[in-house]
Amino acid sequence: MGRIKVAGASSCGPSTENLHMIQGFDFTEWLKNMVTEKDFVVVKMDVKGTEFDLFPRLFETGAICLVDELFLECHYNRWQSCCPGKRPPKYQNTYGQCIHLFSSLRESRVLVHQWW
């Protein structure tokens, strides 16, 4: 869900030039097909802002129960350097929403660590 910038491309705005489609995958289904409850699973996750969409699905499908320990980088609307004189927010969620995500994961007995 992130972007891979083409060398030499401008970082000051979206460009449709030199875009390449890449195949994504359903992490929840992959996890359920690759590990069992007997496995000890440690996940280091950096999903560039999609964590707020991914975790509800992990809970809905029960796949979160397969994760024993989670290191999560939560992305929020801190200002990002982009262009001279501009500092647009890169993500929509707030830091408070990240803290709430971590708290709710811990309340659900997920051993989660904030990763920077």
C-alpha atoms as a PDB file:
ATOM      1  CA  MET A   1       0.000   0.000   0.000  1.00  0.00           C
ATOM      2  CA  GLY A   2       3.045   2.260   0.066  1.00  0.00           C
ATOM      3  CA  ARG A   3       4.801   3.853  -2.858  1.00  0.00           C
ATOM      4  CA  ILE A   4       8.081   2.998  -4.455  1.00  0.00           C
ATOM      5  CA  LYS A   5       9.544   6.106  -6.041  1.00  0.00           C
ATOM      6  CA  VAL A   6      11.247   5.866  -9.359  1.00  0.00           C
ATOM      7  CA  ALA A   7      14.802   7.232  -9.341  1.00  0.00           C
ATOM      8  CA  GLY A   8      14.787  10.845 -10.467  1.00  0.00           C
ATOM      9  CA  ALA A   9      11.038  11.244  -9.961  1.00  0.00           C
ATOM     10  CA  SER A  10       9.809  14.400  -8.262  1.00  0.00           C
ATOM     11  CA  SER A  11       8.696  13.958  -4.675  1.00  0.00           C
ATOM     12  CA  CYS A  12       6.568  17.129  -4.757  1.00  0.00           C
ATOM     13  CA  GLY A  13       3.431  15.528  -6.043  1.00  0.00           C
ATOM     14  CA  PRO A  14       1.876  12.406  -7.434  1.00  0.00           C
ATOM     15  CA  SER A  15       2.962  11.442 -10.903  1.00  0.00           C
ATOM     16  CA  THR A  16       1.413   8.775 -13.062  1.00  0.00           C
ATOM     17  CA  GLU A  17       4.556   8.555 -15.150  1.00  0.00           C
ATOM     18  CA  ASN A  18       6.657   5.411 -14.646  1.00  0.00           C
ATOM     19  CA  LEU A  19       4.127   3.726 -12.351  1.00  0.00           C
ATOM     20  CA  HIS A  20       4.373  -0.041 -12.092  1.00  0.00           C
ATOM     21  CA  MET A  21       1.631  -2.286 -10.807  1.00  0.00           C
ATOM     22  CA  ILE A  22       2.728  -4.866  -8.273  1.00  0.00           C
ATOM     23  CA  GLN A  23       0.718  -7.754  -6.948  1.00  0.00           C
ATOM     24  CA  GLY A  24      -0.441  -7.494  -3.370  1.00  0.00           C
ATOM     25  CA  PHE A  25      -1.575 -10.324  -1.158  1.00  0.00           C
ATOM     26  CA  ASP A  26      -3.995 -10.940   1.673  1.00  0.00           C
ATOM     27  CA  PHE A  27      -1.781 -11.092   4.770  1.00  0.00           C
ATOM     28  CA  THR A  28      -4.578 -12.558   6.869  1.00  0.00           C
ATOM     29  CA  GLU A  29      -5.106 -15.496   4.518  1.00  0.00           C
ATOM     30  CA  TRP A  30      -1.352 -15.962   4.066  1.00  0.00           C
ATOM     31  CA  LEU A  31      -0.865 -16.107   7.837  1.00  0.00           C
ATOM     32  CA  LYS A  32      -3.678 -18.614   8.287  1.00  0.00           C
ATOM     33  CA  ASN A  33      -2.257 -20.829   5.528  1.00  0.00           C
ATOM     34  CA  MET A  34       1.399 -20.648   6.602  1.00  0.00           C
ATOM     35  CA  VAL A  35       1.421 -21.085  10.389  1.00  0.00           C
ATOM     36  CA  THR A  36      -0.371 -23.115  13.034  1.00  0.00           C
ATOM     37  CA  GLU A  37      -1.166 -22.413  16.656  1.00  0.00           C
ATOM     38  CA  LYS A  38       1.826 -24.598  17.590  1.00  0.00           C
ATOM     39  CA  ASP A  39       4.250 -22.217  15.827  1.00  0.00           C
ATOM     40  CA  PHE A  40       5.793 -19.305  17.694  1.00  0.00           C
ATOM     41  CA  VAL A  41       5.139 -16.332  15.417  1.00  0.00           C
ATOM     42  CA  VAL A  42       6.849 -12.949  15.795  1.00  0.00           C
ATOM     43  CA  VAL A  43       5.735 -10.243  13.370  1.00  0.00           C
ATOM     44  CA  LYS A  44       7.522  -6.976  12.635  1.00  0.00           C
ATOM     45  CA  MET A  45       4.954  -4.901  10.785  1.00  0.00           C
ATOM     46  CA  ASP A  46       5.393  -1.691   8.802  1.00  0.00           C
ATOM     47  CA  VAL A  47       2.381  -1.437   6.502  1.00  0.00           C
ATOM     48  CA  LYS A  48       2.519   2.301   5.796  1.00  0.00           C
ATOM     49  CA  GLY A  49      -0.779   3.395   7.291  1.00  0.00           C
ATOM     50  CA  THR A  50      -2.916   0.371   6.450  1.00  0.00           C
ATOM     51  CA  GLU A  51      -2.634  -0.964  10.003  1.00  0.00           C
ATOM     52  CA  PHE A  52      -6.025   0.602  10.797  1.00  0.00           C
ATOM     53  CA  ASP A  53      -7.617  -1.529   8.060  1.00  0.00           C
ATOM     54  CA  LEU A  54      -5.568  -4.667   8.652  1.00  0.00           C
ATOM     55  CA  PHE A  55      -6.134  -5.242  12.372  1.00  0.00           C
ATOM     56  CA  PRO A  56      -9.943  -5.364  12.256  1.00  0.00           C
ATOM     57  CA  ARG A  57      -9.609  -8.061   9.585  1.00  0.00           C
ATOM     58  CA  LEU A  58      -7.038  -9.995  11.645  1.00  0.00           C
ATOM     59  CA  PHE A  59      -9.523 -10.014  14.553  1.00  0.00           C
ATOM     60  CA  GLU A  60     -12.578 -10.812  12.398  1.00  0.00           C
ATOM     61  CA  THR A  61     -10.890 -13.876  10.919  1.00  0.00           C
ATOM     62  CA  GLY A  62      -9.209 -14.984  14.148  1.00  0.00           C
ATOM     63  CA  ALA A  63      -5.787 -14.798  12.478  1.00  0.00           C
ATOM     64  CA  ILE A  64      -4.550 -12.477  15.234  1.00  0.00           C
ATOM     65  CA  CYS A  65      -4.499 -15.522  17.547  1.00  0.00           C
ATOM     66  CA  LEU A  66      -1.655 -16.945  15.453  1.00  0.00           C
ATOM     67  CA  VAL A  67       0.639 -14.016  16.339  1.00  0.00           C
ATOM     68  CA  ASP A  68       2.592 -14.489  19.572  1.00  0.00           C
ATOM     69  CA  GLU A  69       4.483 -11.202  19.558  1.00  0.00           C
ATOM     70  CA  LEU A  70       4.062  -8.104  17.418  1.00  0.00           C
ATOM     71  CA  PHE A  71       6.397  -5.186  16.718  1.00  0.00           C
ATOM     72  CA  LEU A  72       4.276  -2.535  15.030  1.00  0.00           C
ATOM     73  CA  GLU A  73       5.159   0.773  13.427  1.00  0.00           C
ATOM     74  CA  CYS A  74       2.022   2.890  13.536  1.00  0.00           C
ATOM     75  CA  HIS A  75       1.808   5.704  10.990  1.00  0.00           C
ATOM     76  CA  TYR A  76       0.133   8.975  11.925  1.00  0.00           C
ATOM     77  CA  ASN A  77      -0.249  12.512  10.575  1.00  0.00           C
ATOM     78  CA  ARG A  78       3.090  13.957  11.623  1.00  0.00           C
ATOM     79  CA  TRP A  79       4.403  16.442   9.126  1.00  0.00           C
ATOM     80  CA  GLN A  80       6.609  15.057   6.387  1.00  0.00           C
ATOM     81  CA  SER A  81       9.197  16.924   4.355  1.00  0.00           C
ATOM     82  CA  CYS A  82       8.093  16.937   0.762  1.00  0.00           C
ATOM     83  CA  CYS A  83       8.804  20.005  -1.209  1.00  0.00           C
ATOM     84  CA  PRO A  84      10.483  23.343  -0.554  1.00  0.00           C
ATOM     85  CA  GLY A  85       8.098  25.444   1.532  1.00  0.00           C
ATOM     86  CA  LYS A  86       5.515  22.624   1.954  1.00  0.00           C
ATOM     87  CA  ARG A  87       4.987  20.122   4.759  1.00  0.00           C
ATOM     88  CA  PRO A  88       1.833  18.115   4.053  1.00  0.00           C
ATOM     89  CA  PRO A  89       0.667  15.362   6.398  1.00  0.00           C
ATOM     90  CA  LYS A  90       1.451  11.955   4.929  1.00  0.00           C
ATOM     91  CA  TYR A  91      -1.150   9.918   6.870  1.00  0.00           C
ATOM     92  CA  GLN A  92      -4.688  10.658   8.046  1.00  0.00           C
ATOM     93  CA  ASN A  93      -4.696   9.022  11.488  1.00  0.00           C
ATOM     94  CA  THR A  94      -3.561  10.832  14.633  1.00  0.00           C
ATOM     95  CA  TYR A  95      -0.964   9.762  17.177  1.00  0.00           C
ATOM     96  CA  GLY A  96      -3.833   9.373  19.645  1.00  0.00           C
ATOM     97  CA  GLN A  97      -5.412   6.824  17.305  1.00  0.00           C
ATOM     98  CA  CYS A  98      -2.104   4.936  17.230  1.00  0.00           C
ATOM     99  CA  ILE A  99      -2.026   4.879  21.035  1.00  0.00           C
ATOM    100  CA  HIS A 100      -5.630   3.636  21.030  1.00  0.00           C
ATOM    101  CA  LEU A 101      -4.693   0.887  18.548  1.00  0.00           C
ATOM    102  CA  PHE A 102      -1.829  -0.265  20.789  1.00  0.00           C
ATOM    103  CA  SER A 103      -4.066  -0.136  23.874  1.00  0.00           C
ATOM    104  CA  SER A 104      -6.834  -2.138  22.244  1.00  0.00           C
ATOM    105  CA  LEU A 105      -4.348  -4.736  21.001  1.00  0.00           C
ATOM    106  CA  ARG A 106      -2.962  -5.092  24.536  1.00  0.00           C
ATOM    107  CA  GLU A 107      -6.482  -5.276  26.009  1.00  0.00           C
ATOM    108  CA  SER A 108      -7.094  -8.152  23.574  1.00  0.00           C
ATOM    109  CA  ARG A 109      -4.008  -9.891  24.996  1.00  0.00           C
ATOM    110  CA  VAL A 110      -1.789  -9.225  21.970  1.00  0.00           C
ATOM    111  CA  LEU A 111       1.832  -8.771  23.062  1.00  0.00           C
ATOM    112  CA  VAL A 112       2.587  -5.644  21.017  1.00  0.00           C
ATOM    113  CA  HIS A 113       5.525  -3.249  21.034  1.00  0.00           C
ATOM    114  CA  GLN A 114       5.670   0.166  19.403  1.00  0.00           C
ATOM    115  CA  TRP A 115       8.352   0.174  16.710  1.00  0.00           C
ATOM    116  CA  TRP A 116       9.830   3.395  15.358  1.00  0.00           C
END
